[in-house]
Amino acid sequence: SYKKVQQKYIKAYYAEAGCEIGLMDTPNGIIFGAPPNLSGKPSKKLLIIMKIAENPSASAHLEDLIFPKVDRRFENMKFSHVA
């Protein structure tokens, strides 16, 4: 059966998986440049992302490790230039 996963978890997974193979996001685009994870095992951060995506309600306490809290005042200012 199909299980719906929130898009923020999918984005976090792909971003971290890219880091695992040595991808870097630069002002000129994505390049291979970081040292890849050669251990053959996923990093702790990638394992946490997979655990949260699998069961978000049971892993809510881990979410702060991946998605840091943003000050509500700063978040509300992101569209202030439009007003």
C-alpha atoms as a PDB file:
ATOM      1  CA  SER A   1       0.000   0.000   0.000  1.00  0.00           C
ATOM      2  CA  TYR A   2       1.138   3.542  -0.743  1.00  0.00           C
ATOM      3  CA  LYS A   3       2.196   5.707   2.190  1.00  0.00           C
ATOM      4  CA  LYS A   4       2.122   9.469   1.713  1.00  0.00           C
ATOM      5  CA  VAL A   5       5.305  11.211   2.895  1.00  0.00           C
ATOM      6  CA  GLN A   6       5.478  14.963   3.499  1.00  0.00           C
ATOM      7  CA  GLN A   7       7.451  16.832   0.855  1.00  0.00           C
ATOM      8  CA  LYS A   8       9.798  18.427   3.413  1.00  0.00           C
ATOM      9  CA  TYR A   9      11.059  14.956   4.367  1.00  0.00           C
ATOM     10  CA  ILE A  10      11.616  14.028   0.719  1.00  0.00           C
ATOM     11  CA  LYS A  11      13.549  17.260   0.097  1.00  0.00           C
ATOM     12  CA  ALA A  12      15.661  16.704   3.221  1.00  0.00           C
ATOM     13  CA  TYR A  13      16.347  13.099   2.180  1.00  0.00           C
ATOM     14  CA  TYR A  14      17.539  14.047  -1.311  1.00  0.00           C
ATOM     15  CA  ALA A  15      19.652  16.939   0.000  1.00  0.00           C
ATOM     16  CA  GLU A  16      21.367  14.720   2.546  1.00  0.00           C
ATOM     17  CA  ALA A  17      21.737  11.836   0.080  1.00  0.00           C
ATOM     18  CA  GLY A  18      23.443  14.271  -2.309  1.00  0.00           C
ATOM     19  CA  CYS A  19      25.884  15.197   0.448  1.00  0.00           C
ATOM     20  CA  GLU A  20      26.570  11.504   0.983  1.00  0.00           C
ATOM     21  CA  ILE A  21      27.868  11.142  -2.587  1.00  0.00           C
ATOM     22  CA  GLY A  22      29.846  14.399  -2.506  1.00  0.00           C
ATOM     23  CA  LEU A  23      27.485  16.931  -4.090  1.00  0.00           C
ATOM     24  CA  MET A  24      27.800  20.578  -3.063  1.00  0.00           C
ATOM     25  CA  ASP A  25      25.405  23.448  -3.734  1.00  0.00           C
ATOM     26  CA  THR A  26      27.363  26.495  -4.915  1.00  0.00           C
ATOM     27  CA  PRO A  27      26.334  29.889  -6.314  1.00  0.00           C
ATOM     28  CA  ASN A  28      27.189  28.476  -9.770  1.00  0.00           C
ATOM     29  CA  GLY A  29      25.098  25.329  -9.353  1.00  0.00           C
ATOM     30  CA  ILE A  30      25.555  21.853  -7.949  1.00  0.00           C
ATOM     31  CA  ILE A  31      29.020  20.316  -8.283  1.00  0.00           C
ATOM     32  CA  PHE A  32      30.897  17.277  -7.054  1.00  0.00           C
ATOM     33  CA  GLY A  33      33.430  18.638  -4.613  1.00  0.00           C
ATOM     34  CA  ALA A  34      32.765  17.487  -1.073  1.00  0.00           C
ATOM     35  CA  PRO A  35      34.344  14.303   0.220  1.00  0.00           C
ATOM     36  CA  PRO A  36      31.826  11.463  -0.219  1.00  0.00           C
ATOM     37  CA  ASN A  37      30.788   9.100   2.548  1.00  0.00           C
ATOM     38  CA  LEU A  38      32.835   5.993   1.784  1.00  0.00           C
ATOM     39  CA  SER A  39      31.804   4.016   4.880  1.00  0.00           C
ATOM     40  CA  GLY A  40      29.043   2.177   3.038  1.00  0.00           C
ATOM     41  CA  LYS A  41      26.558   3.165   5.759  1.00  0.00           C
ATOM     42  CA  PRO A  42      24.196   6.160   5.800  1.00  0.00           C
ATOM     43  CA  SER A  43      25.186   9.076   8.028  1.00  0.00           C
ATOM     44  CA  LYS A  44      23.415   9.681  11.340  1.00  0.00           C
ATOM     45  CA  LYS A  45      21.569  12.632   9.826  1.00  0.00           C
ATOM     46  CA  LEU A  46      20.303  10.574   6.882  1.00  0.00           C
ATOM     47  CA  LEU A  47      19.161   7.804   9.228  1.00  0.00           C
ATOM     48  CA  ILE A  48      17.252  10.356  11.324  1.00  0.00           C
ATOM     49  CA  ILE A  49      15.554  11.758   8.208  1.00  0.00           C
ATOM     50  CA  MET A  50      14.496   8.261   7.132  1.00  0.00           C
ATOM     51  CA  LYS A  51      13.185   7.468  10.628  1.00  0.00           C
ATOM     52  CA  ILE A  52      11.152  10.695  10.783  1.00  0.00           C
ATOM     53  CA  ALA A  53       9.695  10.117   7.299  1.00  0.00           C
ATOM     54  CA  GLU A  54       8.728   6.573   8.232  1.00  0.00           C
ATOM     55  CA  ASN A  55       6.793   7.590  11.346  1.00  0.00           C
ATOM     56  CA  PRO A  56       6.544  11.388  11.842  1.00  0.00           C
ATOM     57  CA  SER A  57       4.391  11.294  14.970  1.00  0.00           C
ATOM     58  CA  ALA A  58       6.654   8.856  16.834  1.00  0.00           C
ATOM     59  CA  SER A  59       9.811  10.710  15.769  1.00  0.00           C
ATOM     60  CA  ALA A  60       8.653  14.293  16.337  1.00  0.00           C
ATOM     61  CA  HIS A  61      11.359  14.834  18.960  1.00  0.00           C
ATOM     62  CA  LEU A  62      14.027  14.228  16.296  1.00  0.00           C
ATOM     63  CA  GLU A  63      12.609  16.829  13.913  1.00  0.00           C
ATOM     64  CA  ASP A  64      14.425  19.710  15.657  1.00  0.00           C
ATOM     65  CA  LEU A  65      17.739  18.079  14.723  1.00  0.00           C
ATOM     66  CA  ILE A  66      16.903  18.271  11.013  1.00  0.00           C
ATOM     67  CA  PHE A  67      14.583  21.277  10.763  1.00  0.00           C
ATOM     68  CA  PRO A  68      15.708  24.016  13.169  1.00  0.00           C
ATOM     69  CA  LYS A  69      13.048  26.358  14.475  1.00  0.00           C
ATOM     70  CA  VAL A  70      12.725  29.688  12.658  1.00  0.00           C
ATOM     71  CA  ASP A  71      11.830  32.800  14.599  1.00  0.00           C
ATOM     72  CA  ARG A  72       8.193  33.623  13.730  1.00  0.00           C
ATOM     73  CA  ARG A  73       9.070  37.332  13.315  1.00  0.00           C
ATOM     74  CA  PHE A  74      11.693  36.485  10.696  1.00  0.00           C
ATOM     75  CA  GLU A  75       9.329  34.087   8.923  1.00  0.00           C
ATOM     76  CA  ASN A  76       6.628  36.758   8.687  1.00  0.00           C
ATOM     77  CA  MET A  77       9.100  39.230   7.153  1.00  0.00           C
ATOM     78  CA  LYS A  78       9.929  37.069   4.129  1.00  0.00           C
ATOM     79  CA  PHE A  79       7.132  38.677   2.048  1.00  0.00           C
ATOM     80  CA  SER A  80       7.346  42.168   3.569  1.00  0.00           C
ATOM     81  CA  HIS A  81       8.865  43.573   0.346  1.00  0.00           C
ATOM     82  CA  VAL A  82       5.599  42.754  -1.490  1.00  0.00           C
ATOM     83  CA  ALA A  83       3.333  44.734   0.872  1.00  0.00           C
END
